[in-house]
């Protein structure tokens, strides 16, 4: 509880959309990029599982369009698969 309280007193509370960020987020992103097993230059954070899935799907669709494969839109999932809360 004490460790969480210390961290919460330092961590600003606002979203990181629209090119906004804060020091703990930047530090974490830099550490994750360095730890990645493949060369990476970016880390992208979301607020929930459903937002993460939505963003991943949009990035994949964008890639397909950019590669001239606009028909690649099918998503395969598990029936009743959990995807987040929002």
PDB file of N, CA and C in Angstrom:
ATOM      1  N   UNK A   1       0.827  -1.192   0.000  1.00  0.00           N
ATOM      2  CA  UNK A   1       0.000   0.000   0.000  1.00  0.00           C
ATOM      3  C   UNK A   1       0.870   1.253   0.000  1.00  0.00           C
ATOM      4  N   UNK A   2       1.942   1.233   0.793  1.00  0.00           N
ATOM      5  CA  UNK A   2       2.825   2.400   0.854  1.00  0.00           C
ATOM      6  C   UNK A   2       3.499   2.649  -0.501  1.00  0.00           C
ATOM      7  N   UNK A   3       3.950   1.581  -1.167  1.00  0.00           N
ATOM      8  CA  UNK A   3       4.599   1.742  -2.471  1.00  0.00           C
ATOM      9  C   UNK A   3       3.611   2.296  -3.492  1.00  0.00           C
ATOM     10  N   UNK A   4       2.394   1.793  -3.474  1.00  0.00           N
ATOM     11  CA  UNK A   4       1.377   2.285  -4.411  1.00  0.00           C
ATOM     12  C   UNK A   4       1.048   3.746  -4.118  1.00  0.00           C
ATOM     13  N   UNK A   5       0.949   4.108  -2.865  1.00  0.00           N
ATOM     14  CA  UNK A   5       0.650   5.491  -2.484  1.00  0.00           C
ATOM     15  C   UNK A   5       1.758   6.434  -2.948  1.00  0.00           C
ATOM     16  N   UNK A   6       3.023   6.019  -2.757  1.00  0.00           N
ATOM     17  CA  UNK A   6       4.146   6.851  -3.216  1.00  0.00           C
ATOM     18  C   UNK A   6       4.087   7.056  -4.729  1.00  0.00           C
ATOM     19  N   UNK A   7       3.841   5.983  -5.466  1.00  0.00           N
ATOM     20  CA  UNK A   7       3.802   6.095  -6.922  1.00  0.00           C
ATOM     21  C   UNK A   7       2.622   6.949  -7.382  1.00  0.00           C
ATOM     22  N   UNK A   8       1.469   6.761  -6.782  1.00  0.00           N
ATOM     23  CA  UNK A   8       0.286   7.531  -7.177  1.00  0.00           C
ATOM     24  C   UNK A   8       0.450   9.016  -6.878  1.00  0.00           C
ATOM     25  N   UNK A   9       1.243   9.359  -5.879  1.00  0.00           N
ATOM     26  CA  UNK A   9       1.462  10.777  -5.580  1.00  0.00           C
ATOM     27  C   UNK A   9       2.382  11.428  -6.619  1.00  0.00           C
ATOM     28  N   UNK A  10       3.154  10.613  -7.364  1.00  0.00           N
ATOM     29  CA  UNK A  10       4.057  11.129  -8.386  1.00  0.00           C
ATOM     30  C   UNK A  10       3.439  11.102  -9.789  1.00  0.00           C
ATOM     31  N   UNK A  11       2.515  10.174 -10.029  1.00  0.00           N
ATOM     32  CA  UNK A  11       1.991   9.943 -11.371  1.00  0.00           C
ATOM     33  C   UNK A  11       0.869  10.920 -11.706  1.00  0.00           C
ATOM     34  N   UNK A  12       1.069  11.753 -12.706  1.00  0.00           N
ATOM     35  CA  UNK A  12       0.007  12.662 -13.123  1.00  0.00           C
ATOM     36  C   UNK A  12      -1.167  11.863 -13.684  1.00  0.00           C
ATOM     37  N   UNK A  13      -2.360  12.388 -13.545  1.00  0.00           N
ATOM     38  CA  UNK A  13      -3.528  11.691 -14.073  1.00  0.00           C
ATOM     39  C   UNK A  13      -4.104  12.460 -15.238  1.00  0.00           C
ATOM     40  N   UNK A  14      -3.745  12.070 -16.428  1.00  0.00           N
ATOM     41  CA  UNK A  14      -4.385  12.534 -17.652  1.00  0.00           C
ATOM     42  C   UNK A  14      -4.002  11.586 -18.763  1.00  0.00           C
ATOM     43  N   UNK A  15      -4.820  11.574 -19.794  1.00  0.00           N
ATOM     44  CA  UNK A  15      -4.591  10.635 -20.889  1.00  0.00           C
ATOM     45  C   UNK A  15      -3.368  11.057 -21.702  1.00  0.00           C
ATOM     46  N   UNK A  16      -2.887  10.109 -22.524  1.00  0.00           N
ATOM     47  CA  UNK A  16      -1.716  10.403 -23.345  1.00  0.00           C
ATOM     48  C   UNK A  16      -2.067  10.539 -24.831  1.00  0.00           C
ATOM     49  N   UNK A  17      -3.329  10.826 -25.124  1.00  0.00           N
ATOM     50  CA  UNK A  17      -3.724  11.069 -26.510  1.00  0.00           C
ATOM     51  C   UNK A  17      -3.346  12.490 -26.904  1.00  0.00           C
ATOM     52  N   UNK A  18      -3.329  12.763 -28.187  1.00  0.00           N
ATOM     53  CA  UNK A  18      -3.058  14.118 -28.659  1.00  0.00           C
ATOM     54  C   UNK A  18      -1.654  14.582 -28.361  1.00  0.00           C
ATOM     55  N   UNK A  19      -0.689  13.665 -28.412  1.00  0.00           N
ATOM     56  CA  UNK A  19       0.725  13.993 -28.195  1.00  0.00           C
ATOM     57  C   UNK A  19       1.015  14.508 -26.793  1.00  0.00           C
ATOM     58  N   UNK A  20       0.264  14.045 -25.817  1.00  0.00           N
ATOM     59  CA  UNK A  20       0.524  14.404 -24.418  1.00  0.00           C
ATOM     60  C   UNK A  20       1.261  13.245 -23.753  1.00  0.00           C
ATOM     61  N   UNK A  21       2.070  13.548 -22.764  1.00  0.00           N
ATOM     62  CA  UNK A  21       2.789  12.510 -22.040  1.00  0.00           C
ATOM     63  C   UNK A  21       3.238  13.059 -20.698  1.00  0.00           C
ATOM     64  N   UNK A  22       3.744  12.185 -19.875  1.00  0.00           N
ATOM     65  CA  UNK A  22       4.328  12.585 -18.601  1.00  0.00           C
ATOM     66  C   UNK A  22       5.564  11.732 -18.367  1.00  0.00           C
ATOM     67  N   UNK A  23       6.429  12.181 -17.478  1.00  0.00           N
ATOM     68  CA  UNK A  23       7.746  11.559 -17.295  1.00  0.00           C
ATOM     69  C   UNK A  23       7.680  10.057 -17.009  1.00  0.00           C
ATOM     70  N   UNK A  24       6.824   9.570 -16.083  1.00  0.00           N
ATOM     71  CA  UNK A  24       6.800   8.122 -15.838  1.00  0.00           C
ATOM     72  C   UNK A  24       6.408   7.326 -17.094  1.00  0.00           C
ATOM     73  N   UNK A  25       5.508   7.850 -17.892  1.00  0.00           N
ATOM     74  CA  UNK A  25       5.095   7.169 -19.121  1.00  0.00           C
ATOM     75  C   UNK A  25       6.241   7.122 -20.126  1.00  0.00           C
ATOM     76  N   UNK A  26       6.945   8.224 -20.289  1.00  0.00           N
ATOM     77  CA  UNK A  26       8.089   8.274 -21.207  1.00  0.00           C
ATOM     78  C   UNK A  26       9.188   7.314 -20.749  1.00  0.00           C
ATOM     79  N   UNK A  27       9.475   7.300 -19.460  1.00  0.00           N
ATOM     80  CA  UNK A  27      10.500   6.395 -18.929  1.00  0.00           C
ATOM     81  C   UNK A  27      10.131   4.937 -19.174  1.00  0.00           C
ATOM     82  N   UNK A  28       8.865   4.584 -18.936  1.00  0.00           N
ATOM     83  CA  UNK A  28       8.416   3.214 -19.150  1.00  0.00           C
ATOM     84  C   UNK A  28       8.502   2.843 -20.628  1.00  0.00           C
ATOM     85  N   UNK A  29       8.065   3.735 -21.509  1.00  0.00           N
ATOM     86  CA  UNK A  29       8.116   3.464 -22.947  1.00  0.00           C
ATOM     87  C   UNK A  29       9.550   3.213 -23.394  1.00  0.00           C
ATOM     88  N   UNK A  30      10.475   4.037 -22.948  1.00  0.00           N
ATOM     89  CA  UNK A  30      11.878   3.867 -23.326  1.00  0.00           C
ATOM     90  C   UNK A  30      12.423   2.530 -22.837  1.00  0.00           C
ATOM     91  N   UNK A  31      12.072   2.147 -21.623  1.00  0.00           N
ATOM     92  CA  UNK A  31      12.540   0.875 -21.070  1.00  0.00           C
ATOM     93  C   UNK A  31      11.955  -0.301 -21.863  1.00  0.00           C
ATOM     94  N   UNK A  32      10.665  -0.246 -22.177  1.00  0.00           N
ATOM     95  CA  UNK A  32      10.031  -1.330 -22.931  1.00  0.00           C
ATOM     96  C   UNK A  32      10.619  -1.476 -24.330  1.00  0.00           C
ATOM     97  N   UNK A  33      10.871  -0.355 -24.999  1.00  0.00           N
ATOM     98  CA  UNK A  33      11.456  -0.400 -26.343  1.00  0.00           C
ATOM     99  C   UNK A  33      12.845  -1.042 -26.297  1.00  0.00           C
ATOM    100  N   UNK A  34      13.624  -0.726 -25.274  1.00  0.00           N
ATOM    101  CA  UNK A  34      14.963  -1.309 -25.143  1.00  0.00           C
ATOM    102  C   UNK A  34      14.901  -2.806 -24.843  1.00  0.00           C
ATOM    103  N   UNK A  35      13.883  -3.246 -24.113  1.00  0.00           N
ATOM    104  CA  UNK A  35      13.752  -4.650 -23.723  1.00  0.00           C
ATOM    105  C   UNK A  35      13.154  -5.523 -24.822  1.00  0.00           C
ATOM    106  N   UNK A  36      12.532  -4.933 -25.800  1.00  0.00           N
ATOM    107  CA  UNK A  36      11.832  -5.689 -26.842  1.00  0.00           C
ATOM    108  C   UNK A  36      12.802  -6.617 -27.571  1.00  0.00           C
ATOM    109  N   UNK A  37      12.346  -7.825 -27.902  1.00  0.00           N
ATOM    110  CA  UNK A  37      13.236  -8.779 -28.571  1.00  0.00           C
ATOM    111  C   UNK A  37      13.489  -8.453 -30.047  1.00  0.00           C
ATOM    112  N   UNK A  38      12.731  -7.531 -30.602  1.00  0.00           N
ATOM    113  CA  UNK A  38      12.931  -7.099 -31.989  1.00  0.00           C
ATOM    114  C   UNK A  38      13.137  -5.593 -31.997  1.00  0.00           C
ATOM    115  N   UNK A  39      13.832  -5.070 -32.993  1.00  0.00           N
ATOM    116  CA  UNK A  39      14.036  -3.619 -33.037  1.00  0.00           C
ATOM    117  C   UNK A  39      12.694  -2.875 -33.088  1.00  0.00           C
ATOM    118  N   UNK A  40      12.511  -1.964 -32.167  1.00  0.00           N
ATOM    119  CA  UNK A  40      11.289  -1.175 -32.100  1.00  0.00           C
ATOM    120  C   UNK A  40      11.663   0.275 -31.861  1.00  0.00           C
ATOM    121  N   UNK A  41      10.789   1.176 -32.261  1.00  0.00           N
ATOM    122  CA  UNK A  41      11.049   2.581 -31.991  1.00  0.00           C
ATOM    123  C   UNK A  41       9.906   3.225 -31.219  1.00  0.00           C
ATOM    124  N   UNK A  42       8.823   2.485 -30.987  1.00  0.00           N
ATOM    125  CA  UNK A  42       7.644   3.063 -30.342  1.00  0.00           C
ATOM    126  C   UNK A  42       7.034   2.092 -29.334  1.00  0.00           C
ATOM    127  N   UNK A  43       6.388   2.662 -28.337  1.00  0.00           N
ATOM    128  CA  UNK A  43       5.523   1.919 -27.426  1.00  0.00           C
ATOM    129  C   UNK A  43       4.211   2.690 -27.396  1.00  0.00           C
ATOM    130  N   UNK A  44       3.105   1.991 -27.440  1.00  0.00           N
ATOM    131  CA  UNK A  44       1.799   2.643 -27.467  1.00  0.00           C
ATOM    132  C   UNK A  44       0.973   2.111 -26.313  1.00  0.00           C
ATOM    133  N   UNK A  45       0.434   3.001 -25.506  1.00  0.00           N
ATOM    134  CA  UNK A  45      -0.332   2.616 -24.326  1.00  0.00           C
ATOM    135  C   UNK A  45      -1.818   2.901 -24.521  1.00  0.00           C
ATOM    136  N   UNK A  46      -2.650   2.024 -23.964  1.00  0.00           N
ATOM    137  CA  UNK A  46      -4.097   2.233 -23.981  1.00  0.00           C
ATOM    138  C   UNK A  46      -4.624   2.101 -22.558  1.00  0.00           C
ATOM    139  N   UNK A  47      -5.899   2.382 -22.387  1.00  0.00           N
ATOM    140  CA  UNK A  47      -6.485   2.388 -21.045  1.00  0.00           C
ATOM    141  C   UNK A  47      -7.214   1.110 -20.671  1.00  0.00           C
ATOM    142  N   UNK A  48      -7.464   0.223 -21.643  1.00  0.00           N
ATOM    143  CA  UNK A  48      -8.219  -0.992 -21.339  1.00  0.00           C
ATOM    144  C   UNK A  48      -7.965  -2.042 -22.407  1.00  0.00           C
ATOM    145  N   UNK A  49      -8.412  -3.253 -22.128  1.00  0.00           N
ATOM    146  CA  UNK A  49      -8.275  -4.335 -23.093  1.00  0.00           C
ATOM    147  C   UNK A  49      -9.060  -4.081 -24.364  1.00  0.00           C
ATOM    148  N   UNK A  50     -10.280  -3.570 -24.230  1.00  0.00           N
ATOM    149  CA  UNK A  50     -11.077  -3.312 -25.425  1.00  0.00           C
ATOM    150  C   UNK A  50     -10.463  -2.207 -26.266  1.00  0.00           C
ATOM    151  N   UNK A  51      -9.915  -1.190 -25.628  1.00  0.00           N
ATOM    152  CA  UNK A  51      -9.254  -0.115 -26.371  1.00  0.00           C
ATOM    153  C   UNK A  51      -7.988  -0.636 -27.052  1.00  0.00           C
ATOM    154  N   UNK A  52      -7.257  -1.520 -26.381  1.00  0.00           N
ATOM    155  CA  UNK A  52      -6.059  -2.098 -26.978  1.00  0.00           C
ATOM    156  C   UNK A  52      -6.419  -2.920 -28.211  1.00  0.00           C
ATOM    157  N   UNK A  53      -7.464  -3.748 -28.101  1.00  0.00           N
ATOM    158  CA  UNK A  53      -7.896  -4.545 -29.250  1.00  0.00           C
ATOM    159  C   UNK A  53      -8.381  -3.660 -30.389  1.00  0.00           C
ATOM    160  N   UNK A  54      -9.168  -2.647 -30.079  1.00  0.00           N
ATOM    161  CA  UNK A  54      -9.675  -1.735 -31.100  1.00  0.00           C
ATOM    162  C   UNK A  54      -8.517  -1.059 -31.834  1.00  0.00           C
ATOM    163  N   UNK A  55      -7.525  -0.614 -31.090  1.00  0.00           N
ATOM    164  CA  UNK A  55      -6.366   0.054 -31.692  1.00  0.00           C
ATOM    165  C   UNK A  55      -5.566  -0.922 -32.552  1.00  0.00           C
ATOM    166  N   UNK A  56      -5.352  -2.142 -32.054  1.00  0.00           N
ATOM    167  CA  UNK A  56      -4.593  -3.137 -32.819  1.00  0.00           C
ATOM    168  C   UNK A  56      -5.291  -3.455 -34.138  1.00  0.00           C
ATOM    169  N   UNK A  57      -6.613  -3.609 -34.105  1.00  0.00           N
ATOM    170  CA  UNK A  57      -7.365  -3.894 -35.324  1.00  0.00           C
ATOM    171  C   UNK A  57      -7.240  -2.743 -36.312  1.00  0.00           C
ATOM    172  N   UNK A  58      -7.364  -1.527 -35.836  1.00  0.00           N
ATOM    173  CA  UNK A  58      -7.250  -0.372 -36.734  1.00  0.00           C
ATOM    174  C   UNK A  58      -5.863  -0.272 -37.347  1.00  0.00           C
ATOM    175  N   UNK A  59      -4.824  -0.575 -36.573  1.00  0.00           N
ATOM    176  CA  UNK A  59      -3.462  -0.543 -37.109  1.00  0.00           C
ATOM    177  C   UNK A  59      -3.290  -1.632 -38.173  1.00  0.00           C
ATOM    178  N   UNK A  60      -3.815  -2.821 -37.918  1.00  0.00           N
ATOM    179  CA  UNK A  60      -3.715  -3.912 -38.887  1.00  0.00           C
ATOM    180  C   UNK A  60      -4.472  -3.555 -40.163  1.00  0.00           C
ATOM    181  N   UNK A  61      -5.666  -2.986 -40.046  1.00  0.00           N
ATOM    182  CA  UNK A  61      -6.433  -2.575 -41.231  1.00  0.00           C
ATOM    183  C   UNK A  61      -5.685  -1.483 -41.997  1.00  0.00           C
ATOM    184  N   UNK A  62      -5.100  -0.541 -41.282  1.00  0.00           N
ATOM    185  CA  UNK A  62      -4.315   0.523 -41.937  1.00  0.00           C
ATOM    186  C   UNK A  62      -3.152  -0.085 -42.716  1.00  0.00           C
ATOM    187  N   UNK A  63      -2.456  -1.046 -42.104  1.00  0.00           N
ATOM    188  CA  UNK A  63      -1.338  -1.708 -42.770  1.00  0.00           C
ATOM    189  C   UNK A  63      -1.807  -2.411 -44.039  1.00  0.00           C
ATOM    190  N   UNK A  64      -2.914  -3.144 -43.944  1.00  0.00           N
ATOM    191  CA  UNK A  64      -3.445  -3.834 -45.121  1.00  0.00           C
ATOM    192  C   UNK A  64      -3.755  -2.851 -46.243  1.00  0.00           C
ATOM    193  N   UNK A  65      -4.377  -1.744 -45.904  1.00  0.00           N
ATOM    194  CA  UNK A  65      -4.677  -0.724 -46.917  1.00  0.00           C
ATOM    195  C   UNK A  65      -3.388  -0.174 -47.523  1.00  0.00           C
ATOM    196  N   UNK A  66      -2.393   0.098 -46.682  1.00  0.00           N
ATOM    197  CA  UNK A  66      -1.131   0.666 -47.152  1.00  0.00           C
ATOM    198  C   UNK A  66      -0.387  -0.300 -48.075  1.00  0.00           C
ATOM    199  N   UNK A  67      -0.578  -1.603 -47.860  1.00  0.00           N
ATOM    200  CA  UNK A  67       0.070  -2.609 -48.691  1.00  0.00           C
ATOM    201  C   UNK A  67      -0.755  -2.958 -49.930  1.00  0.00           C
ATOM    202  N   UNK A  68      -1.858  -2.231 -50.149  1.00  0.00           N
ATOM    203  CA  UNK A  68      -2.692  -2.478 -51.316  1.00  0.00           C
ATOM    204  C   UNK A  68      -3.568  -3.713 -51.184  1.00  0.00           C
ATOM    205  N   UNK A  69      -3.894  -4.091 -49.941  1.00  0.00           N
ATOM    206  CA  UNK A  69      -4.726  -5.267 -49.687  1.00  0.00           C
ATOM    207  C   UNK A  69      -5.956  -4.862 -48.862  1.00  0.00           C
ATOM    208  N   UNK A  70      -6.793  -3.958 -49.408  1.00  0.00           N
ATOM    209  CA  UNK A  70      -7.917  -3.441 -48.623  1.00  0.00           C
ATOM    210  C   UNK A  70      -8.970  -4.482 -48.267  1.00  0.00           C
ATOM    211  N   UNK A  71      -8.968  -5.631 -48.919  1.00  0.00           N
ATOM    212  CA  UNK A  71      -9.955  -6.665 -48.606  1.00  0.00           C
ATOM    213  C   UNK A  71      -9.597  -7.454 -47.344  1.00  0.00           C
ATOM    214  N   UNK A  72      -8.379  -7.299 -46.858  1.00  0.00           N
ATOM    215  CA  UNK A  72      -7.961  -8.044 -45.653  1.00  0.00           C
ATOM    216  C   UNK A  72      -8.523  -7.369 -44.410  1.00  0.00           C
ATOM    217  N   UNK A  73      -9.757  -7.696 -44.075  1.00  0.00           N
ATOM    218  CA  UNK A  73     -10.429  -7.067 -42.933  1.00  0.00           C
ATOM    219  C   UNK A  73     -11.003  -8.096 -41.958  1.00  0.00           C
ATOM    220  N   UNK A  74     -10.913  -9.364 -42.278  1.00  0.00           N
ATOM    221  CA  UNK A  74     -11.549 -10.399 -41.460  1.00  0.00           C
ATOM    222  C   UNK A  74     -10.823 -10.553 -40.125  1.00  0.00           C
ATOM    223  N   UNK A  75     -11.594 -10.628 -39.055  1.00  0.00           N
ATOM    224  CA  UNK A  75     -11.062 -10.843 -37.713  1.00  0.00           C
ATOM    225  C   UNK A  75     -11.559 -12.200 -37.229  1.00  0.00           C
ATOM    226  N   UNK A  76     -10.662 -13.057 -36.822  1.00  0.00           N
ATOM    227  CA  UNK A  76     -11.021 -14.369 -36.290  1.00  0.00           C
ATOM    228  C   UNK A  76     -10.904 -14.286 -34.774  1.00  0.00           C
ATOM    229  N   UNK A  77     -11.948 -14.699 -34.077  1.00  0.00           N
ATOM    230  CA  UNK A  77     -11.940 -14.607 -32.613  1.00  0.00           C
ATOM    231  C   UNK A  77     -12.622 -15.825 -32.015  1.00  0.00           C
ATOM    232  N   UNK A  78     -12.500 -15.952 -30.727  1.00  0.00           N
ATOM    233  CA  UNK A  78     -13.183 -17.018 -30.007  1.00  0.00           C
ATOM    234  C   UNK A  78     -14.607 -16.590 -29.715  1.00  0.00           C
ATOM    235  N   UNK A  79     -15.529 -17.504 -29.775  1.00  0.00           N
ATOM    236  CA  UNK A  79     -16.908 -17.220 -29.428  1.00  0.00           C
ATOM    237  C   UNK A  79     -16.967 -16.832 -27.947  1.00  0.00           C
ATOM    238  N   UNK A  80     -17.597 -15.711 -27.679  1.00  0.00           N
ATOM    239  CA  UNK A  80     -17.725 -15.181 -26.319  1.00  0.00           C
ATOM    240  C   UNK A  80     -16.360 -14.837 -25.710  1.00  0.00           C
ATOM    241  N   UNK A  81     -15.382 -14.499 -26.551  1.00  0.00           N
ATOM    242  CA  UNK A  81     -14.055 -14.145 -26.061  1.00  0.00           C
ATOM    243  C   UNK A  81     -14.103 -12.810 -25.309  1.00  0.00           C
ATOM    244  N   UNK A  82     -13.415 -12.737 -24.182  1.00  0.00           N
ATOM    245  CA  UNK A  82     -13.380 -11.512 -23.387  1.00  0.00           C
ATOM    246  C   UNK A  82     -12.441 -10.517 -24.044  1.00  0.00           C
ATOM    247  N   UNK A  83     -12.833  -9.258 -24.139  1.00  0.00           N
ATOM    248  CA  UNK A  83     -12.008  -8.258 -24.811  1.00  0.00           C
ATOM    249  C   UNK A  83     -11.841  -6.974 -24.024  1.00  0.00           C
ATOM    250  N   UNK A  84     -12.381  -6.864 -22.857  1.00  0.00           N
ATOM    251  CA  UNK A  84     -12.226  -5.639 -22.068  1.00  0.00           C
ATOM    252  C   UNK A  84     -13.562  -5.141 -21.552  1.00  0.00           C
ATOM    253  N   UNK A  85     -13.554  -3.957 -20.972  1.00  0.00           N
ATOM    254  CA  UNK A  85     -14.752  -3.485 -20.299  1.00  0.00           C
ATOM    255  C   UNK A  85     -15.372  -2.225 -20.877  1.00  0.00           C
ATOM    256  N   UNK A  86     -14.711  -1.537 -21.796  1.00  0.00           N
ATOM    257  CA  UNK A  86     -15.290  -0.296 -22.292  1.00  0.00           C
ATOM    258  C   UNK A  86     -16.033  -0.492 -23.582  1.00  0.00           C
TER     259      UNK A  86
END
